[in-house]
Amino acid sequence: MQNNFRNLEKAVCKLKEALCLEPDEYIRDSVIKRFEISFELLWKLIKRIADSENLECYSPKSCLKLAYQMGLIKDEEIFLSILEYRNLLVHTYNEFEAENVYNFVKQKGLCAFQDILSELGKKI
C-alpha cells in the first residue's frame, strides 16, 4: 500500500509540475493525461485501503463515496466532479472539453488531490 501511495504522490507531483509550465496544447494534453493517471492511482489506492479494512467498493464512484465516509475526502462534490471530468475525457475528446478539464484541474483538481494525499498519508 505504501508503494501505491508513493506512486500517487509522484503522479500528483508531476501533475503540479506540468501545471506550472506555460500552457500550450501539448502542456494542456500532458496535464490531462497526468490528471487521468492521478485519478486512476487514487481510486485504486482507496480500493486497497477499503479491502484491507474489509470494506467494499468496486467502482471509482463507490470508492470515492467510501473515502468520503471514511473522512479521507472533505469535499465529496469536488471528487465527484473529478470523476465526471475523467469520464468525459475517456469517452470523448475535443478542444473545448480539453480546455475545460485543464482549467478545472488548475483551479480545483490539483488542490483536491493534494488534500487527499495529506489525509492518505496519515492513514498509511
C-alpha atoms as a PDB file:
ATOM      1  CA  MET A   1       0.000   0.000   0.000  1.00  0.00           C
ATOM      2  CA  GLN A   2       2.891   2.384   0.725  1.00  0.00           C
ATOM      3  CA  ASN A   3       4.218   1.787  -2.768  1.00  0.00           C
ATOM      4  CA  ASN A   4       0.816   2.691  -4.213  1.00  0.00           C
ATOM      5  CA  PHE A   5       0.786   5.833  -2.085  1.00  0.00           C
ATOM      6  CA  ARG A   6       4.267   6.831  -3.285  1.00  0.00           C
ATOM      7  CA  ASN A   7       3.203   6.293  -6.903  1.00  0.00           C
ATOM      8  CA  LEU A   8       0.196   8.541  -6.329  1.00  0.00           C
ATOM      9  CA  GLU A   9       2.411  11.176  -4.698  1.00  0.00           C
ATOM     10  CA  LYS A  10       4.746  11.099  -7.709  1.00  0.00           C
ATOM     11  CA  ALA A  11       1.847  11.357 -10.148  1.00  0.00           C
ATOM     12  CA  VAL A  12       0.365  14.365  -8.332  1.00  0.00           C
ATOM     13  CA  CYS A  13       3.818  15.966  -8.195  1.00  0.00           C
ATOM     14  CA  LYS A  14       4.177  15.516 -11.966  1.00  0.00           C
ATOM     15  CA  LEU A  15       0.700  16.971 -12.422  1.00  0.00           C
ATOM     16  CA  LYS A  16       1.710  20.017 -10.393  1.00  0.00           C
ATOM     17  CA  GLU A  17       4.935  20.404 -12.400  1.00  0.00           C
ATOM     18  CA  ALA A  18       3.009  20.342 -15.668  1.00  0.00           C
ATOM     19  CA  LEU A  19       0.548  22.942 -14.362  1.00  0.00           C
ATOM     20  CA  CYS A  20       3.468  25.275 -13.568  1.00  0.00           C
ATOM     21  CA  LEU A  21       4.589  25.328 -17.206  1.00  0.00           C
ATOM     22  CA  GLU A  22       3.436  27.911 -19.720  1.00  0.00           C
ATOM     23  CA  PRO A  23       0.309  26.342 -21.241  1.00  0.00           C
ATOM     24  CA  ASP A  24       0.097  25.350 -24.859  1.00  0.00           C
ATOM     25  CA  GLU A  25      -1.776  22.430 -26.401  1.00  0.00           C
ATOM     26  CA  TYR A  26       1.000  19.941 -25.558  1.00  0.00           C
ATOM     27  CA  ILE A  27       1.232  21.056 -21.932  1.00  0.00           C
ATOM     28  CA  ARG A  28      -2.574  21.008 -21.689  1.00  0.00           C
ATOM     29  CA  ASP A  29      -2.652  17.461 -23.015  1.00  0.00           C
ATOM     30  CA  SER A  30       0.132  16.461 -20.616  1.00  0.00           C
ATOM     31  CA  VAL A  31      -1.828  17.905 -17.691  1.00  0.00           C
ATOM     32  CA  ILE A  32      -4.905  15.985 -18.796  1.00  0.00           C
ATOM     33  CA  LYS A  33      -3.001  12.698 -19.041  1.00  0.00           C
ATOM     34  CA  ARG A  34      -1.367  13.260 -15.645  1.00  0.00           C
ATOM     35  CA  PHE A  35      -4.801  14.069 -14.223  1.00  0.00           C
ATOM     36  CA  GLU A  36      -6.148  10.770 -15.564  1.00  0.00           C
ATOM     37  CA  ILE A  37      -3.197   8.831 -14.145  1.00  0.00           C
ATOM     38  CA  SER A  38      -3.517  10.526 -10.758  1.00  0.00           C
ATOM     39  CA  PHE A  39      -7.207   9.719 -10.631  1.00  0.00           C
ATOM     40  CA  GLU A  40      -6.681   6.052 -11.533  1.00  0.00           C
ATOM     41  CA  LEU A  41      -3.978   5.652  -8.900  1.00  0.00           C
ATOM     42  CA  LEU A  42      -6.155   7.405  -6.321  1.00  0.00           C
ATOM     43  CA  TRP A  43      -9.296   5.329  -6.646  1.00  0.00           C
ATOM     44  CA  LYS A  44      -7.319   2.083  -6.813  1.00  0.00           C
ATOM     45  CA  LEU A  45      -5.439   3.042  -3.627  1.00  0.00           C
ATOM     46  CA  ILE A  46      -8.756   3.785  -1.922  1.00  0.00           C
ATOM     47  CA  LYS A  47      -9.941   0.346  -3.028  1.00  0.00           C
ATOM     48  CA  ARG A  48      -6.848  -1.280  -1.491  1.00  0.00           C
ATOM     49  CA  ILE A  49      -7.417   0.586   1.770  1.00  0.00           C
ATOM     50  CA  ALA A  50     -11.058  -0.493   1.757  1.00  0.00           C
ATOM     51  CA  ASP A  51     -10.083  -4.115   1.105  1.00  0.00           C
ATOM     52  CA  SER A  52      -7.597  -4.011   3.985  1.00  0.00           C
ATOM     53  CA  GLU A  53     -10.394  -2.839   6.288  1.00  0.00           C
ATOM     54  CA  ASN A  54     -12.900  -5.403   4.961  1.00  0.00           C
ATOM     55  CA  LEU A  55     -14.955  -2.681   3.305  1.00  0.00           C
ATOM     56  CA  GLU A  56     -16.318  -2.888  -0.206  1.00  0.00           C
ATOM     57  CA  CYS A  57     -16.029  -0.564  -3.165  1.00  0.00           C
ATOM     58  CA  TYR A  58     -15.861  -1.781  -6.729  1.00  0.00           C
ATOM     59  CA  SER A  59     -16.014   1.282  -8.925  1.00  0.00           C
ATOM     60  CA  PRO A  60     -14.381   4.689  -8.852  1.00  0.00           C
ATOM     61  CA  LYS A  61     -17.626   6.303  -7.703  1.00  0.00           C
ATOM     62  CA  SER A  62     -18.271   3.837  -4.902  1.00  0.00           C
ATOM     63  CA  CYS A  63     -14.655   4.159  -3.743  1.00  0.00           C
ATOM     64  CA  LEU A  64     -14.894   7.960  -3.672  1.00  0.00           C
ATOM     65  CA  LYS A  65     -18.113   7.771  -1.673  1.00  0.00           C
ATOM     66  CA  LEU A  66     -16.491   5.351   0.758  1.00  0.00           C
ATOM     67  CA  ALA A  67     -13.432   7.621   1.076  1.00  0.00           C
ATOM     68  CA  TYR A  68     -15.795  10.450   1.982  1.00  0.00           C
ATOM     69  CA  GLN A  69     -17.482   8.289   4.619  1.00  0.00           C
ATOM     70  CA  MET A  70     -14.045   7.363   5.995  1.00  0.00           C
ATOM     71  CA  GLY A  71     -13.105  11.037   6.278  1.00  0.00           C
ATOM     72  CA  LEU A  72     -10.366  10.859   3.648  1.00  0.00           C
ATOM     73  CA  ILE A  73     -12.250  13.278   1.402  1.00  0.00           C
ATOM     74  CA  LYS A  74     -13.529  16.525   2.861  1.00  0.00           C
ATOM     75  CA  ASP A  75     -15.476  17.743  -0.193  1.00  0.00           C
ATOM     76  CA  GLU A  76     -17.306  14.883  -1.871  1.00  0.00           C
ATOM     77  CA  GLU A  77     -18.660  17.114  -4.639  1.00  0.00           C
ATOM     78  CA  ILE A  78     -15.216  18.104  -5.912  1.00  0.00           C
ATOM     79  CA  PHE A  79     -14.224  14.457  -6.225  1.00  0.00           C
ATOM     80  CA  LEU A  80     -17.456  13.590  -7.980  1.00  0.00           C
ATOM     81  CA  SER A  81     -16.626  16.429 -10.386  1.00  0.00           C
ATOM     82  CA  ILE A  82     -13.161  14.956 -10.844  1.00  0.00           C
ATOM     83  CA  LEU A  83     -14.815  11.644 -11.707  1.00  0.00           C
ATOM     84  CA  GLU A  84     -17.144  13.344 -14.198  1.00  0.00           C
ATOM     85  CA  TYR A  85     -14.248  15.084 -15.927  1.00  0.00           C
ATOM     86  CA  ARG A  86     -12.278  11.843 -16.050  1.00  0.00           C
ATOM     87  CA  ASN A  87     -15.274  10.013 -17.551  1.00  0.00           C
ATOM     88  CA  LEU A  88     -15.811  12.788 -20.066  1.00  0.00           C
ATOM     89  CA  LEU A  89     -12.229  12.504 -21.276  1.00  0.00           C
ATOM     90  CA  VAL A  90     -12.340   8.755 -21.578  1.00  0.00           C
ATOM     91  CA  HIS A  91     -15.406   8.825 -23.841  1.00  0.00           C
ATOM     92  CA  THR A  92     -14.969  11.999 -25.873  1.00  0.00           C
ATOM     93  CA  TYR A  93     -12.132  14.326 -26.680  1.00  0.00           C
ATOM     94  CA  ASN A  94     -12.352  17.711 -28.287  1.00  0.00           C
ATOM     95  CA  GLU A  95     -10.517  21.001 -27.853  1.00  0.00           C
ATOM     96  CA  PHE A  96     -13.302  22.689 -25.910  1.00  0.00           C
ATOM     97  CA  GLU A  97     -13.610  19.856 -23.391  1.00  0.00           C
ATOM     98  CA  ALA A  98      -9.835  19.593 -23.095  1.00  0.00           C
ATOM     99  CA  GLU A  99      -9.621  23.275 -22.213  1.00  0.00           C
ATOM    100  CA  ASN A 100     -12.429  22.899 -19.645  1.00  0.00           C
ATOM    101  CA  VAL A 101     -10.667  19.972 -17.993  1.00  0.00           C
ATOM    102  CA  TYR A 102      -7.336  21.802 -17.942  1.00  0.00           C
ATOM    103  CA  ASN A 103      -8.932  24.823 -16.269  1.00  0.00           C
ATOM    104  CA  PHE A 104     -10.749  22.655 -13.723  1.00  0.00           C
ATOM    105  CA  VAL A 105      -7.567  20.808 -12.809  1.00  0.00           C
ATOM    106  CA  LYS A 106      -5.651  24.065 -12.487  1.00  0.00           C
ATOM    107  CA  GLN A 107      -8.347  25.784 -10.392  1.00  0.00           C
ATOM    108  CA  LYS A 108      -9.649  22.931  -8.221  1.00  0.00           C
ATOM    109  CA  GLY A 109      -8.392  19.479  -9.130  1.00  0.00           C
ATOM    110  CA  LEU A 110      -4.777  19.776  -8.047  1.00  0.00           C
ATOM    111  CA  CYS A 111      -5.739  21.151  -4.620  1.00  0.00           C
ATOM    112  CA  ALA A 112      -8.214  18.313  -4.151  1.00  0.00           C
ATOM    113  CA  PHE A 113      -5.528  15.728  -4.952  1.00  0.00           C
ATOM    114  CA  GLN A 114      -3.110  17.419  -2.568  1.00  0.00           C
ATOM    115  CA  ASP A 115      -5.730  17.462   0.197  1.00  0.00           C
ATOM    116  CA  ILE A 116      -6.477  13.763  -0.082  1.00  0.00           C
ATOM    117  CA  LEU A 117      -2.769  12.968  -0.255  1.00  0.00           C
ATOM    118  CA  SER A 118      -2.421  14.605   3.134  1.00  0.00           C
ATOM    119  CA  GLU A 119      -5.260  12.515   4.565  1.00  0.00           C
ATOM    120  CA  LEU A 120      -3.985   9.313   2.972  1.00  0.00           C
ATOM    121  CA  GLY A 121      -0.511   9.991   4.356  1.00  0.00           C
ATOM    122  CA  LYS A 122      -1.979   9.998   7.865  1.00  0.00           C
ATOM    123  CA  LYS A 123      -3.834   6.753   7.178  1.00  0.00           C
ATOM    124  CA  ILE A 124      -0.998   4.804   5.581  1.00  0.00           C
END
